[in-house]
Amino acid sequence: ADMFSIVLTPAQWRKLMILAFGSLVNNITYGLLAPFFPSVARERGVSEWHVGLIFGVFALAAFATAPYAGIALQKKRCPRLHMMIFGMVLNAVFTAAFGMLEFVDQDKHSVFWYLVLAYSVRVMAGIGCGLTDTSLYALIAKTFGGHVQLPALMGTMESVCGLGVVVAPALGGLLYDTTSFSLTMILPSAVLAGYVVLPWYYLRETVP
């Protein structure tokens, strides 16, 4: 079956859409800063090498977090839903915190401290993203574990994850052109943080 022939009940579709939207917004946070941060960082005296590392450290943190998150889930040290919600809130808080770099006084603080803050918040956001993605796939496996089209559902979720990465730079550029550096990071973060109400309400009684 492909993504256009998945047969689910209305309740299952609702759960799938909730999880898919969470995956989309969670992965948008990775590339939001792609269109504008290089020029902003250059004005602060940050080299292109550090700009690349600030991008990459997010993915590195997620990469390093995922195996430990999987082990914690396997050993039932943390419920899947709780880990996903905690990861999303962590990602949202520190993605918004990255926007606060706009208010770091360039005259009072050196490039070193700007980099310390930038790296720190990106690492924490990446950890949140890693926790979220790992627990989200575990939730899909648990929720639809007996469904014959589970491989198609997993493939669909992976497509949604990729869509978030694709959409992020365009959305970041649009928000930066129409708002500001800080709001570009804060607005999607607010959506992600507010979203956690949906899985908490609709999934907490059916998914351990």
N, C-alpha and C. Protein backbone atom coordinates (compact mmCIF):
# COMPACT_ATOMS: atom_id res chain seq x y z
N ALA A 1 0.84 -1.19 0.00
CA ALA A 1 0.00 0.00 0.00
C ALA A 1 0.88 1.25 0.00
N ASP A 2 0.42 2.29 -0.68
CA ASP A 2 1.14 3.55 -0.62
C ASP A 2 0.34 4.53 0.23
N MET A 3 0.86 5.75 0.35
CA MET A 3 0.25 6.71 1.26
C MET A 3 -1.14 7.13 0.81
N PHE A 4 -1.48 6.86 -0.45
CA PHE A 4 -2.79 7.25 -0.95
C PHE A 4 -3.83 6.15 -0.80
N SER A 5 -3.43 4.99 -0.32
CA SER A 5 -4.39 3.89 -0.16
C SER A 5 -4.36 3.31 1.25
N ILE A 6 -3.93 4.10 2.21
CA ILE A 6 -3.93 3.66 3.60
C ILE A 6 -5.36 3.67 4.12
N VAL A 7 -5.77 2.56 4.67
CA VAL A 7 -7.13 2.42 5.18
C VAL A 7 -7.10 2.47 6.70
N LEU A 8 -7.70 3.52 7.25
CA LEU A 8 -7.74 3.70 8.70
C LEU A 8 -9.14 4.11 9.12
N THR A 9 -9.44 3.89 10.38
CA THR A 9 -10.69 4.39 10.93
C THR A 9 -10.55 5.89 11.18
N PRO A 10 -11.66 6.60 11.33
CA PRO A 10 -11.56 8.04 11.63
C PRO A 10 -10.71 8.35 12.86
N ALA A 11 -10.83 7.52 13.89
CA ALA A 11 -10.02 7.74 15.10
C ALA A 11 -8.54 7.53 14.81
N GLN A 12 -8.23 6.54 13.98
CA GLN A 12 -6.83 6.30 13.62
C GLN A 12 -6.28 7.43 12.75
N TRP A 13 -7.09 7.94 11.83
CA TRP A 13 -6.66 9.07 11.02
C TRP A 13 -6.36 10.28 11.89
N ARG A 14 -7.20 10.50 12.89
CA ARG A 14 -6.98 11.64 13.79
C ARG A 14 -5.65 11.50 14.52
N LYS A 15 -5.38 10.31 15.02
CA LYS A 15 -4.10 10.09 15.71
C LYS A 15 -2.93 10.27 14.76
N LEU A 16 -3.06 9.76 13.54
CA LEU A 16 -1.98 9.89 12.57
C LEU A 16 -1.72 11.35 12.23
N MET A 17 -2.79 12.12 12.02
CA MET A 17 -2.64 13.53 11.67
C MET A 17 -2.00 14.31 12.82
N ILE A 18 -2.38 13.98 14.06
CA ILE A 18 -1.79 14.65 15.21
C ILE A 18 -0.28 14.39 15.26
N LEU A 19 0.10 13.14 15.08
CA LEU A 19 1.52 12.79 15.13
C LEU A 19 2.27 13.38 13.93
N ALA A 20 1.65 13.38 12.76
CA ALA A 20 2.29 13.91 11.56
C ALA A 20 2.54 15.41 11.68
N PHE A 21 1.55 16.14 12.21
CA PHE A 21 1.73 17.58 12.36
C PHE A 21 2.84 17.87 13.36
N GLY A 22 2.91 17.08 14.42
CA GLY A 22 3.99 17.25 15.39
C GLY A 22 5.35 17.03 14.76
N SER A 23 5.46 16.00 13.94
CA SER A 23 6.72 15.73 13.25
C SER A 23 7.09 16.86 12.30
N LEU A 24 6.10 17.39 11.60
CA LEU A 24 6.34 18.49 10.66
C LEU A 24 6.90 19.72 11.36
N VAL A 25 6.23 20.17 12.41
CA VAL A 25 6.65 21.39 13.09
C VAL A 25 7.97 21.17 13.82
N ASN A 26 8.13 19.99 14.42
CA ASN A 26 9.37 19.68 15.13
C ASN A 26 10.58 19.78 14.20
N ASN A 27 10.45 19.30 12.97
CA ASN A 27 11.58 19.30 12.05
C ASN A 27 11.74 20.63 11.31
N ILE A 28 10.72 21.46 11.32
CA ILE A 28 10.86 22.79 10.75
C ILE A 28 11.87 23.61 11.54
N THR A 29 11.98 23.36 12.83
CA THR A 29 12.87 24.17 13.67
C THR A 29 14.33 24.05 13.25
N TYR A 30 14.70 22.96 12.60
CA TYR A 30 16.10 22.75 12.22
C TYR A 30 16.60 23.81 11.25
N GLY A 31 15.85 24.07 10.19
CA GLY A 31 16.36 24.91 9.11
C GLY A 31 15.76 26.29 9.02
N LEU A 32 15.03 26.73 10.04
CA LEU A 32 14.40 28.05 9.99
C LEU A 32 15.40 29.17 9.72
N LEU A 33 16.58 29.05 10.31
CA LEU A 33 17.56 30.14 10.23
C LEU A 33 18.43 30.12 8.98
N ALA A 34 18.22 29.13 8.11
CA ALA A 34 19.09 28.99 6.94
C ALA A 34 19.17 30.23 6.06
N PRO A 35 18.06 30.92 5.75
CA PRO A 35 18.16 32.04 4.79
C PRO A 35 18.84 33.29 5.35
N PHE A 36 18.74 33.52 6.64
CA PHE A 36 19.17 34.82 7.17
C PHE A 36 20.31 34.76 8.19
N PHE A 37 20.50 33.63 8.85
CA PHE A 37 21.50 33.60 9.92
C PHE A 37 22.93 33.84 9.42
N PRO A 38 23.33 33.31 8.25
CA PRO A 38 24.70 33.59 7.80
C PRO A 38 25.03 35.08 7.73
N SER A 39 24.10 35.87 7.19
CA SER A 39 24.37 37.31 7.10
C SER A 39 24.31 37.98 8.46
N VAL A 40 23.38 37.56 9.32
CA VAL A 40 23.29 38.11 10.67
C VAL A 40 24.56 37.79 11.46
N ALA A 41 25.01 36.55 11.36
CA ALA A 41 26.22 36.13 12.08
C ALA A 41 27.45 36.87 11.57
N ARG A 42 27.51 37.10 10.27
CA ARG A 42 28.65 37.81 9.68
C ARG A 42 28.74 39.23 10.24
N GLU A 43 27.58 39.86 10.44
CA GLU A 43 27.57 41.20 11.02
C GLU A 43 28.09 41.20 12.46
N ARG A 44 27.98 40.05 13.10
CA ARG A 44 28.47 39.90 14.48
C ARG A 44 29.94 39.49 14.53
N GLY A 45 30.53 39.27 13.37
CA GLY A 45 31.92 38.86 13.31
C GLY A 45 32.13 37.36 13.41
N VAL A 46 31.06 36.58 13.19
CA VAL A 46 31.15 35.12 13.25
C VAL A 46 31.59 34.59 11.89
N SER A 47 32.54 33.69 11.88
CA SER A 47 33.05 33.14 10.62
C SER A 47 32.07 32.15 10.01
N GLU A 48 32.23 31.91 8.70
CA GLU A 48 31.38 30.95 8.01
C GLU A 48 31.53 29.54 8.58
N TRP A 49 32.73 29.24 9.08
CA TRP A 49 32.98 27.93 9.67
C TRP A 49 32.09 27.71 10.89
N HIS A 50 32.01 28.73 11.75
CA HIS A 50 31.16 28.63 12.93
C HIS A 50 29.68 28.61 12.55
N VAL A 51 29.31 29.35 11.51
CA VAL A 51 27.92 29.31 11.05
C VAL A 51 27.54 27.89 10.65
N GLY A 52 28.42 27.22 9.91
CA GLY A 52 28.16 25.84 9.52
C GLY A 52 28.06 24.91 10.71
N LEU A 53 28.93 25.12 11.69
CA LEU A 53 28.89 24.29 12.90
C LEU A 53 27.63 24.53 13.71
N ILE A 54 27.16 25.77 13.76
CA ILE A 54 25.93 26.08 14.50
C ILE A 54 24.74 25.38 13.86
N PHE A 55 24.75 25.30 12.52
CA PHE A 55 23.71 24.52 11.84
C PHE A 55 23.86 23.04 12.19
N GLY A 56 25.08 22.54 12.04
CA GLY A 56 25.30 21.11 12.16
C GLY A 56 25.17 20.56 13.56
N VAL A 57 25.44 21.38 14.58
CA VAL A 57 25.43 20.88 15.95
C VAL A 57 24.01 20.48 16.38
N PHE A 58 23.01 21.07 15.77
CA PHE A 58 21.62 20.68 16.04
C PHE A 58 21.41 19.22 15.65
N ALA A 59 21.78 18.89 14.42
CA ALA A 59 21.62 17.52 13.93
C ALA A 59 22.52 16.55 14.69
N LEU A 60 23.72 17.01 15.06
CA LEU A 60 24.62 16.16 15.83
C LEU A 60 24.03 15.83 17.19
N ALA A 61 23.44 16.81 17.84
CA ALA A 61 22.81 16.58 19.15
C ALA A 61 21.64 15.61 19.02
N ALA A 62 20.84 15.77 17.98
CA ALA A 62 19.72 14.84 17.76
C ALA A 62 20.23 13.43 17.49
N PHE A 63 21.28 13.34 16.69
CA PHE A 63 21.90 12.06 16.35
C PHE A 63 22.42 11.35 17.60
N ALA A 64 23.06 12.11 18.48
CA ALA A 64 23.63 11.52 19.70
C ALA A 64 22.55 11.15 20.72
N THR A 65 21.46 11.89 20.70
CA THR A 65 20.39 11.66 21.68
C THR A 65 19.54 10.44 21.34
N ALA A 66 19.29 10.22 20.06
CA ALA A 66 18.32 9.21 19.63
C ALA A 66 18.60 7.80 20.19
N PRO A 67 19.83 7.29 20.14
CA PRO A 67 20.05 5.94 20.68
C PRO A 67 19.72 5.82 22.16
N TYR A 68 20.09 6.82 22.95
CA TYR A 68 19.81 6.78 24.38
C TYR A 68 18.30 6.89 24.64
N ALA A 69 17.62 7.70 23.82
CA ALA A 69 16.17 7.79 23.95
C ALA A 69 15.52 6.45 23.63
N GLY A 70 16.02 5.78 22.60
CA GLY A 70 15.49 4.47 22.24
C GLY A 70 15.70 3.44 23.35
N ILE A 71 16.88 3.46 23.97
CA ILE A 71 17.17 2.54 25.08
C ILE A 71 16.23 2.81 26.26
N ALA A 72 16.02 4.10 26.56
CA ALA A 72 15.12 4.47 27.66
C ALA A 72 13.71 3.98 27.39
N LEU A 73 13.27 4.09 26.15
CA LEU A 73 11.93 3.61 25.81
C LEU A 73 11.85 2.09 25.88
N GLN A 74 12.89 1.43 25.39
CA GLN A 74 12.91 -0.04 25.41
C GLN A 74 12.86 -0.58 26.84
N LYS A 75 13.57 0.08 27.74
CA LYS A 75 13.60 -0.36 29.13
C LYS A 75 12.44 0.22 29.95
N LYS A 76 11.55 0.94 29.27
CA LYS A 76 10.34 1.51 29.87
C LYS A 76 10.67 2.46 31.03
N ARG A 77 11.74 3.20 30.87
CA ARG A 77 12.10 4.20 31.88
C ARG A 77 11.30 5.47 31.72
N CYS A 78 10.73 5.65 30.55
CA CYS A 78 9.94 6.86 30.27
C CYS A 78 8.84 6.51 29.28
N PRO A 79 7.60 6.90 29.55
CA PRO A 79 6.52 6.65 28.58
C PRO A 79 6.78 7.38 27.26
N ARG A 80 6.36 6.77 26.17
CA ARG A 80 6.59 7.35 24.84
C ARG A 80 6.00 8.75 24.74
N LEU A 81 4.76 8.89 25.17
CA LEU A 81 4.07 10.17 25.03
C LEU A 81 4.75 11.26 25.86
N HIS A 82 5.16 10.91 27.07
CA HIS A 82 5.83 11.89 27.92
C HIS A 82 7.15 12.35 27.31
N MET A 83 7.90 11.40 26.73
CA MET A 83 9.16 11.77 26.10
C MET A 83 8.93 12.68 24.91
N MET A 84 7.91 12.38 24.11
CA MET A 84 7.64 13.21 22.94
C MET A 84 7.27 14.63 23.36
N ILE A 85 6.40 14.76 24.34
CA ILE A 85 5.97 16.08 24.79
C ILE A 85 7.14 16.85 25.41
N PHE A 86 7.94 16.17 26.23
CA PHE A 86 9.11 16.83 26.82
C PHE A 86 10.08 17.29 25.74
N GLY A 87 10.31 16.44 24.74
CA GLY A 87 11.21 16.80 23.65
C GLY A 87 10.72 18.00 22.87
N MET A 88 9.42 18.04 22.61
CA MET A 88 8.85 19.16 21.86
C MET A 88 8.96 20.47 22.64
N VAL A 89 8.66 20.41 23.92
CA VAL A 89 8.76 21.62 24.75
C VAL A 89 10.21 22.09 24.82
N LEU A 90 11.14 21.13 24.98
CA LEU A 90 12.56 21.48 25.02
C LEU A 90 13.00 22.13 23.72
N ASN A 91 12.61 21.55 22.61
CA ASN A 91 12.95 22.10 21.30
C ASN A 91 12.35 23.49 21.13
N ALA A 92 11.08 23.64 21.52
CA ALA A 92 10.40 24.92 21.36
C ALA A 92 11.06 26.01 22.20
N VAL A 93 11.37 25.69 23.45
CA VAL A 93 11.95 26.69 24.36
C VAL A 93 13.30 27.18 23.85
N PHE A 94 14.14 26.25 23.40
CA PHE A 94 15.50 26.65 23.01
C PHE A 94 15.56 27.18 21.58
N THR A 95 14.60 26.80 20.74
CA THR A 95 14.52 27.45 19.43
C THR A 95 14.11 28.91 19.60
N ALA A 96 13.15 29.14 20.50
CA ALA A 96 12.77 30.52 20.81
C ALA A 96 13.93 31.27 21.44
N ALA A 97 14.70 30.58 22.30
CA ALA A 97 15.86 31.21 22.93
C ALA A 97 16.90 31.63 21.91
N PHE A 98 17.01 30.87 20.82
CA PHE A 98 17.94 31.26 19.76
C PHE A 98 17.56 32.63 19.19
N GLY A 99 16.26 32.87 19.10
CA GLY A 99 15.80 34.17 18.62
C GLY A 99 16.21 35.31 19.52
N MET A 100 16.44 35.00 20.81
CA MET A 100 16.84 36.03 21.77
C MET A 100 18.27 36.50 21.54
N LEU A 101 19.02 35.79 20.69
CA LEU A 101 20.38 36.24 20.37
C LEU A 101 20.37 37.62 19.73
N GLU A 102 19.24 37.99 19.16
CA GLU A 102 19.11 39.32 18.56
C GLU A 102 19.38 40.42 19.59
N PHE A 103 19.11 40.13 20.85
CA PHE A 103 19.20 41.16 21.89
C PHE A 103 20.51 41.10 22.68
N VAL A 104 21.43 40.24 22.24
CA VAL A 104 22.75 40.22 22.87
C VAL A 104 23.51 41.47 22.43
N ASP A 105 23.88 42.27 23.38
CA ASP A 105 24.55 43.55 23.10
C ASP A 105 25.94 43.29 22.52
N GLN A 106 26.12 43.71 21.29
CA GLN A 106 27.40 43.48 20.60
C GLN A 106 28.55 44.24 21.24
N ASP A 107 28.24 45.40 21.85
CA ASP A 107 29.29 46.21 22.45
C ASP A 107 29.75 45.66 23.81
N LYS A 108 28.83 45.01 24.53
CA LYS A 108 29.14 44.52 25.87
C LYS A 108 29.65 43.08 25.88
N HIS A 109 29.29 42.31 24.85
CA HIS A 109 29.64 40.89 24.84
C HIS A 109 30.44 40.56 23.58
N SER A 110 31.50 39.81 23.75
CA SER A 110 32.38 39.47 22.63
C SER A 110 31.74 38.40 21.75
N VAL A 111 32.37 38.17 20.61
CA VAL A 111 31.92 37.12 19.70
C VAL A 111 31.96 35.76 20.40
N PHE A 112 32.91 35.56 21.28
CA PHE A 112 33.03 34.29 22.01
C PHE A 112 31.75 33.96 22.76
N TRP A 113 31.21 34.93 23.51
CA TRP A 113 30.01 34.67 24.29
C TRP A 113 28.78 34.52 23.40
N TYR A 114 28.77 35.22 22.28
CA TYR A 114 27.69 35.03 21.31
C TYR A 114 27.70 33.59 20.79
N LEU A 115 28.89 33.08 20.50
CA LEU A 115 29.01 31.70 20.01
C LEU A 115 28.64 30.70 21.10
N VAL A 116 29.04 30.95 22.33
CA VAL A 116 28.69 30.06 23.44
C VAL A 116 27.17 29.93 23.55
N LEU A 117 26.49 31.06 23.50
CA LEU A 117 25.03 31.04 23.58
C LEU A 117 24.42 30.35 22.38
N ALA A 118 24.92 30.65 21.18
CA ALA A 118 24.37 30.06 19.96
C ALA A 118 24.52 28.54 19.96
N TYR A 119 25.72 28.07 20.28
CA TYR A 119 25.95 26.63 20.33
C TYR A 119 25.09 25.96 21.40
N SER A 120 25.01 26.59 22.56
CA SER A 120 24.28 25.99 23.69
C SER A 120 22.81 25.79 23.37
N VAL A 121 22.18 26.82 22.84
CA VAL A 121 20.74 26.70 22.58
C VAL A 121 20.46 25.75 21.41
N ARG A 122 21.36 25.71 20.44
CA ARG A 122 21.15 24.77 19.32
C ARG A 122 21.33 23.33 19.76
N VAL A 123 22.29 23.09 20.66
CA VAL A 123 22.47 21.74 21.18
C VAL A 123 21.23 21.29 21.94
N MET A 124 20.70 22.15 22.80
CA MET A 124 19.52 21.80 23.58
C MET A 124 18.30 21.59 22.69
N ALA A 125 18.15 22.44 21.68
CA ALA A 125 17.04 22.26 20.74
C ALA A 125 17.20 20.95 19.98
N GLY A 126 18.42 20.61 19.60
CA GLY A 126 18.67 19.36 18.89
C GLY A 126 18.37 18.15 19.76
N ILE A 127 18.70 18.23 21.05
CA ILE A 127 18.36 17.15 21.97
C ILE A 127 16.84 16.97 22.03
N GLY A 128 16.13 18.08 22.11
CA GLY A 128 14.67 18.00 22.10
C GLY A 128 14.13 17.38 20.84
N CYS A 129 14.71 17.75 19.70
CA CYS A 129 14.28 17.18 18.42
C CYS A 129 14.55 15.68 18.37
N GLY A 130 15.71 15.26 18.87
CA GLY A 130 16.05 13.84 18.89
C GLY A 130 15.10 13.04 19.77
N LEU A 131 14.79 13.57 20.94
CA LEU A 131 13.83 12.91 21.83
C LEU A 131 12.47 12.79 21.18
N THR A 132 12.06 13.86 20.51
CA THR A 132 10.74 13.88 19.88
C THR A 132 10.65 12.88 18.74
N ASP A 133 11.61 12.91 17.83
CA ASP A 133 11.55 12.01 16.68
C ASP A 133 11.60 10.54 17.09
N THR A 134 12.46 10.22 18.06
CA THR A 134 12.57 8.83 18.51
C THR A 134 11.27 8.34 19.13
N SER A 135 10.71 9.13 20.04
CA SER A 135 9.48 8.73 20.71
C SER A 135 8.29 8.76 19.76
N LEU A 136 8.33 9.66 18.78
CA LEU A 136 7.23 9.74 17.83
C LEU A 136 7.13 8.47 16.98
N TYR A 137 8.27 7.97 16.51
CA TYR A 137 8.24 6.72 15.74
C TYR A 137 7.84 5.55 16.63
N ALA A 138 8.24 5.59 17.90
CA ALA A 138 7.81 4.55 18.83
C ALA A 138 6.31 4.61 19.06
N LEU A 139 5.75 5.82 19.09
CA LEU A 139 4.31 5.97 19.23
C LEU A 139 3.56 5.43 18.02
N ILE A 140 4.10 5.69 16.84
CA ILE A 140 3.49 5.15 15.62
C ILE A 140 3.48 3.63 15.67
N ALA A 141 4.62 3.05 16.05
CA ALA A 141 4.73 1.59 16.11
C ALA A 141 3.76 1.01 17.14
N LYS A 142 3.60 1.69 18.27
CA LYS A 142 2.69 1.20 19.31
C LYS A 142 1.23 1.39 18.91
N THR A 143 0.91 2.56 18.39
CA THR A 143 -0.48 2.87 18.06
C THR A 143 -1.00 2.02 16.91
N PHE A 144 -0.13 1.79 15.92
CA PHE A 144 -0.57 1.06 14.73
C PHE A 144 0.18 -0.28 14.59
N GLY A 145 0.64 -0.82 15.70
CA GLY A 145 1.47 -2.03 15.67
C GLY A 145 0.83 -3.22 15.00
N GLY A 146 -0.49 -3.35 15.13
CA GLY A 146 -1.16 -4.49 14.53
C GLY A 146 -1.72 -4.22 13.15
N HIS A 147 -1.43 -3.04 12.62
CA HIS A 147 -2.00 -2.65 11.33
C HIS A 147 -1.15 -3.21 10.19
N VAL A 148 -1.83 -3.79 9.19
CA VAL A 148 -1.09 -4.41 8.08
C VAL A 148 -0.33 -3.39 7.25
N GLN A 149 -0.70 -2.11 7.34
CA GLN A 149 -0.06 -1.08 6.54
C GLN A 149 0.94 -0.25 7.35
N LEU A 150 1.44 -0.83 8.44
CA LEU A 150 2.41 -0.11 9.27
C LEU A 150 3.62 0.38 8.47
N PRO A 151 4.20 -0.41 7.56
CA PRO A 151 5.33 0.11 6.76
C PRO A 151 4.96 1.36 5.96
N ALA A 152 3.74 1.39 5.41
CA ALA A 152 3.31 2.57 4.67
C ALA A 152 3.14 3.76 5.58
N LEU A 153 2.65 3.52 6.80
CA LEU A 153 2.49 4.60 7.77
C LEU A 153 3.85 5.16 8.17
N MET A 154 4.81 4.28 8.39
CA MET A 154 6.17 4.73 8.71
C MET A 154 6.77 5.55 7.57
N GLY A 155 6.55 5.07 6.35
CA GLY A 155 7.05 5.81 5.19
C GLY A 155 6.41 7.18 5.07
N THR A 156 5.12 7.25 5.36
CA THR A 156 4.43 8.53 5.32
C THR A 156 4.99 9.50 6.35
N MET A 157 5.25 8.98 7.57
CA MET A 157 5.81 9.83 8.61
C MET A 157 7.21 10.33 8.24
N GLU A 158 7.98 9.48 7.60
CA GLU A 158 9.32 9.89 7.16
C GLU A 158 9.22 10.99 6.10
N SER A 159 8.21 10.90 5.24
CA SER A 159 7.99 11.93 4.23
C SER A 159 7.62 13.26 4.89
N VAL A 160 6.79 13.19 5.92
CA VAL A 160 6.39 14.39 6.65
C VAL A 160 7.61 15.02 7.32
N CYS A 161 8.45 14.19 7.90
CA CYS A 161 9.69 14.67 8.52
C CYS A 161 10.55 15.41 7.49
N GLY A 162 10.71 14.82 6.31
CA GLY A 162 11.47 15.47 5.24
C GLY A 162 10.82 16.75 4.77
N LEU A 163 9.50 16.76 4.74
CA LEU A 163 8.78 17.97 4.32
C LEU A 163 9.07 19.12 5.26
N GLY A 164 9.15 18.83 6.55
CA GLY A 164 9.48 19.88 7.52
C GLY A 164 10.83 20.50 7.24
N VAL A 165 11.82 19.68 6.90
CA VAL A 165 13.15 20.18 6.59
C VAL A 165 13.13 21.01 5.30
N VAL A 166 12.31 20.61 4.33
CA VAL A 166 12.22 21.32 3.06
C VAL A 166 11.51 22.67 3.23
N VAL A 167 10.45 22.68 4.01
CA VAL A 167 9.64 23.89 4.18
C VAL A 167 10.36 24.94 5.04
N ALA A 168 11.20 24.47 5.96
CA ALA A 168 11.80 25.36 6.96
C ALA A 168 12.50 26.59 6.39
N PRO A 169 13.41 26.45 5.41
CA PRO A 169 14.09 27.66 4.91
C PRO A 169 13.16 28.68 4.29
N ALA A 170 12.16 28.21 3.53
CA ALA A 170 11.21 29.13 2.91
C ALA A 170 10.39 29.85 3.98
N LEU A 171 9.95 29.10 4.98
CA LEU A 171 9.18 29.71 6.06
C LEU A 171 10.04 30.69 6.86
N GLY A 172 11.29 30.29 7.13
CA GLY A 172 12.19 31.17 7.85
C GLY A 172 12.44 32.47 7.09
N GLY A 173 12.65 32.37 5.78
CA GLY A 173 12.86 33.57 4.97
C GLY A 173 11.65 34.47 4.96
N LEU A 174 10.46 33.87 4.84
CA LEU A 174 9.22 34.66 4.83
C LEU A 174 9.02 35.38 6.15
N LEU A 175 9.20 34.66 7.26
CA LEU A 175 9.01 35.28 8.57
C LEU A 175 10.05 36.37 8.82
N TYR A 176 11.28 36.14 8.39
CA TYR A 176 12.33 37.14 8.61
C TYR A 176 12.05 38.41 7.81
N ASP A 177 11.54 38.25 6.59
CA ASP A 177 11.22 39.41 5.75
C ASP A 177 10.05 40.21 6.31
N THR A 178 9.12 39.53 6.98
CA THR A 178 7.90 40.20 7.43
C THR A 178 7.88 40.53 8.91
N THR A 179 8.79 39.92 9.69
CA THR A 179 8.80 40.20 11.14
C THR A 179 10.22 40.59 11.56
N SER A 180 10.87 39.74 12.34
CA SER A 180 12.22 40.03 12.84
C SER A 180 12.94 38.73 13.11
N PHE A 181 14.22 38.83 13.45
CA PHE A 181 15.01 37.65 13.78
C PHE A 181 14.36 36.88 14.94
N SER A 182 14.04 37.59 16.00
CA SER A 182 13.49 36.92 17.19
C SER A 182 12.15 36.28 16.92
N LEU A 183 11.24 37.00 16.25
CA LEU A 183 9.91 36.45 15.98
C LEU A 183 9.96 35.28 15.00
N THR A 184 10.94 35.29 14.11
CA THR A 184 11.09 34.17 13.17
C THR A 184 11.32 32.87 13.93
N MET A 185 12.02 32.93 15.04
CA MET A 185 12.28 31.74 15.84
C MET A 185 11.18 31.49 16.87
N ILE A 186 10.58 32.56 17.37
CA ILE A 186 9.59 32.41 18.44
C ILE A 186 8.25 31.90 17.93
N LEU A 187 7.78 32.38 16.79
CA LEU A 187 6.44 32.02 16.32
C LEU A 187 6.29 30.52 16.05
N PRO A 188 7.19 29.89 15.28
CA PRO A 188 7.08 28.44 15.11
C PRO A 188 7.25 27.68 16.42
N SER A 189 8.09 28.21 17.32
CA SER A 189 8.28 27.59 18.62
C SER A 189 6.98 27.61 19.44
N ALA A 190 6.26 28.71 19.33
CA ALA A 190 4.98 28.83 20.04
C ALA A 190 3.96 27.82 19.50
N VAL A 191 3.97 27.63 18.18
CA VAL A 191 3.08 26.63 17.58
C VAL A 191 3.43 25.23 18.10
N LEU A 192 4.73 24.92 18.14
CA LEU A 192 5.17 23.61 18.60
C LEU A 192 4.82 23.39 20.07
N ALA A 193 5.04 24.40 20.90
CA ALA A 193 4.72 24.28 22.32
C ALA A 193 3.21 24.15 22.54
N GLY A 194 2.44 24.92 21.79
CA GLY A 194 0.99 24.84 21.92
C GLY A 194 0.41 23.54 21.41
N TYR A 195 1.09 22.96 20.43
CA TYR A 195 0.62 21.70 19.83
C TYR A 195 0.54 20.55 20.83
N VAL A 196 1.38 20.56 21.87
CA VAL A 196 1.46 19.41 22.78
C VAL A 196 0.13 19.11 23.46
N VAL A 197 -0.78 20.08 23.47
CA VAL A 197 -2.10 19.84 24.05
C VAL A 197 -2.83 18.73 23.29
N LEU A 198 -2.64 18.68 21.97
CA LEU A 198 -3.37 17.69 21.17
C LEU A 198 -2.98 16.26 21.50
N PRO A 199 -1.70 15.88 21.46
CA PRO A 199 -1.38 14.50 21.83
C PRO A 199 -1.69 14.20 23.29
N TRP A 200 -1.52 15.16 24.16
CA TRP A 200 -1.82 14.92 25.57
C TRP A 200 -3.30 14.60 25.76
N TYR A 201 -4.15 15.30 25.02
CA TYR A 201 -5.60 15.10 25.17
C TYR A 201 -6.08 13.85 24.45
N TYR A 202 -5.59 13.62 23.22
CA TYR A 202 -6.13 12.55 22.39
C TYR A 202 -5.40 11.22 22.52
N LEU A 203 -4.15 11.23 22.99
CA LEU A 203 -3.38 10.00 22.97
C LEU A 203 -3.02 9.46 24.35
N ARG A 204 -3.16 10.24 25.39
CA ARG A 204 -2.62 9.83 26.69
C ARG A 204 -3.33 8.61 27.27
N GLU A 205 -4.60 8.38 26.92
CA GLU A 205 -5.33 7.25 27.50
C GLU A 205 -5.17 5.97 26.69
N THR A 206 -4.69 6.11 25.46
CA THR A 206 -4.63 4.93 24.58
C THR A 206 -3.21 4.49 24.29
N VAL A 207 -2.23 5.36 24.55
CA VAL A 207 -0.84 5.02 24.24
C VAL A 207 0.02 5.17 25.49
N PRO A 208 0.59 4.08 26.02
CA PRO A 208 1.43 4.18 27.20
C PRO A 208 2.80 4.76 26.87
